[in-house]
Amino acid sequence: MDRSALRTKIIDLVIAAGDGSITADELAGVNYSLRDAGYSSLSYMRLIDSIENEIGVYLDPEAAVEHYETIDSVTALVIAGGIGADA
């Protein structure tokens, strides 16, 4: 999967994990910042689980918060193959 397709997949997973609390237009309106979109901690946990199940990359939920701030940072993390808590 190329970077663009992966980014689109992650946007879909973000929306699904948000359980209807966020739309693609809302994400675009805040420059794809999950924090600025009001993403909840439960949504983050669902997203991390979804990425593991759908894409097959383990993301440590205790990794540095900056890895989970935007669609682009999450995409970069997935491309890098995930991260451990002490990275």
Protein backbone atom coordinates (compact mmCIF):
# COMPACT_ATOMS: atom_id res chain seq x y z
CA MET A 1 0.00 0.00 0.00
CA ASP A 2 1.47 3.36 -0.97
CA ARG A 3 1.62 6.32 1.44
CA SER A 4 -1.47 8.02 -0.02
CA ALA A 5 -3.58 4.87 0.20
CA LEU A 6 -2.31 4.22 3.73
CA ARG A 7 -3.17 7.78 4.78
CA THR A 8 -6.69 7.38 3.36
CA LYS A 9 -7.07 4.07 5.21
CA ILE A 10 -5.94 5.71 8.46
CA ILE A 11 -8.45 8.54 7.98
CA ASP A 12 -11.18 5.91 7.58
CA LEU A 13 -9.99 4.13 10.74
CA VAL A 14 -9.87 7.43 12.66
CA ILE A 15 -13.47 8.19 11.70
CA ALA A 16 -14.64 4.67 12.57
CA ALA A 17 -12.78 4.66 15.90
CA GLY A 18 -14.36 8.01 16.74
CA ASP A 19 -17.73 6.26 16.78
CA GLY A 20 -19.47 9.02 14.85
CA SER A 21 -17.98 11.89 16.83
CA ILE A 22 -15.85 13.15 13.93
CA THR A 23 -16.25 13.43 10.17
CA ALA A 24 -13.79 13.67 7.30
CA ASP A 25 -14.79 17.33 6.79
CA GLU A 26 -14.16 18.10 10.47
CA LEU A 27 -10.74 16.45 10.26
CA ALA A 28 -9.86 18.46 7.17
CA GLY A 29 -11.07 21.63 8.89
CA VAL A 30 -8.50 21.21 11.67
CA ASN A 31 -5.62 20.19 9.37
CA TYR A 32 -6.10 16.54 10.29
CA SER A 33 -5.20 17.16 13.94
CA LEU A 34 -6.84 14.53 16.12
CA ARG A 35 -6.37 16.67 19.21
CA ASP A 36 -7.96 19.74 17.61
CA ALA A 37 -10.84 17.59 16.39
CA GLY A 38 -11.54 16.61 20.01
CA TYR A 39 -10.58 12.96 19.65
CA SER A 40 -11.19 11.14 22.94
CA SER A 41 -8.82 8.81 24.76
CA LEU A 42 -11.22 5.93 24.08
CA SER A 43 -11.14 6.80 20.37
CA TYR A 44 -7.33 6.73 20.44
CA MET A 45 -7.39 3.24 21.98
CA ARG A 46 -9.87 2.05 19.36
CA LEU A 47 -7.71 3.54 16.60
CA ILE A 48 -4.57 1.83 17.86
CA ASP A 49 -6.44 -1.48 18.03
CA SER A 50 -7.89 -0.96 14.55
CA ILE A 51 -4.49 -0.25 13.05
CA GLU A 52 -3.12 -3.42 14.59
CA ASN A 53 -6.07 -5.50 13.33
CA GLU A 54 -6.53 -3.91 9.89
CA ILE A 55 -2.96 -3.02 8.91
CA GLY A 56 -0.96 -5.40 11.08
CA VAL A 57 1.31 -2.83 12.73
CA TYR A 58 1.60 -2.70 16.52
CA LEU A 59 1.45 0.78 18.01
CA ASP A 60 2.26 1.19 21.68
CA PRO A 61 -0.50 3.22 23.34
CA GLU A 62 2.06 4.58 25.81
CA ALA A 63 4.37 5.96 23.12
CA ALA A 64 5.02 9.70 23.00
CA VAL A 65 1.83 11.64 22.36
CA GLU A 66 3.28 13.51 19.37
CA HIS A 67 3.11 10.26 17.39
CA TYR A 68 -0.67 10.35 17.67
CA GLU A 69 -1.41 14.04 17.13
CA THR A 70 -2.19 14.13 13.41
CA ILE A 71 -3.13 11.85 10.55
CA ASP A 72 0.32 12.44 9.07
CA SER A 73 2.14 11.56 12.30
CA VAL A 74 0.11 8.36 12.68
CA THR A 75 0.76 7.50 9.02
CA ALA A 76 4.50 8.05 9.49
CA LEU A 77 4.43 5.87 12.59
CA VAL A 78 2.72 3.05 10.72
CA ILE A 79 5.18 3.34 7.82
CA ALA A 80 8.04 3.13 10.33
CA GLY A 81 6.56 -0.13 11.56
CA GLY A 82 5.24 1.07 14.91
CA ILE A 83 6.98 2.12 18.05
CA GLY A 84 7.67 0.95 21.58
CA ALA A 85 7.02 2.89 24.77
CA ASP A 86 10.65 3.94 25.17
CA ALA A 87 11.28 5.21 21.66
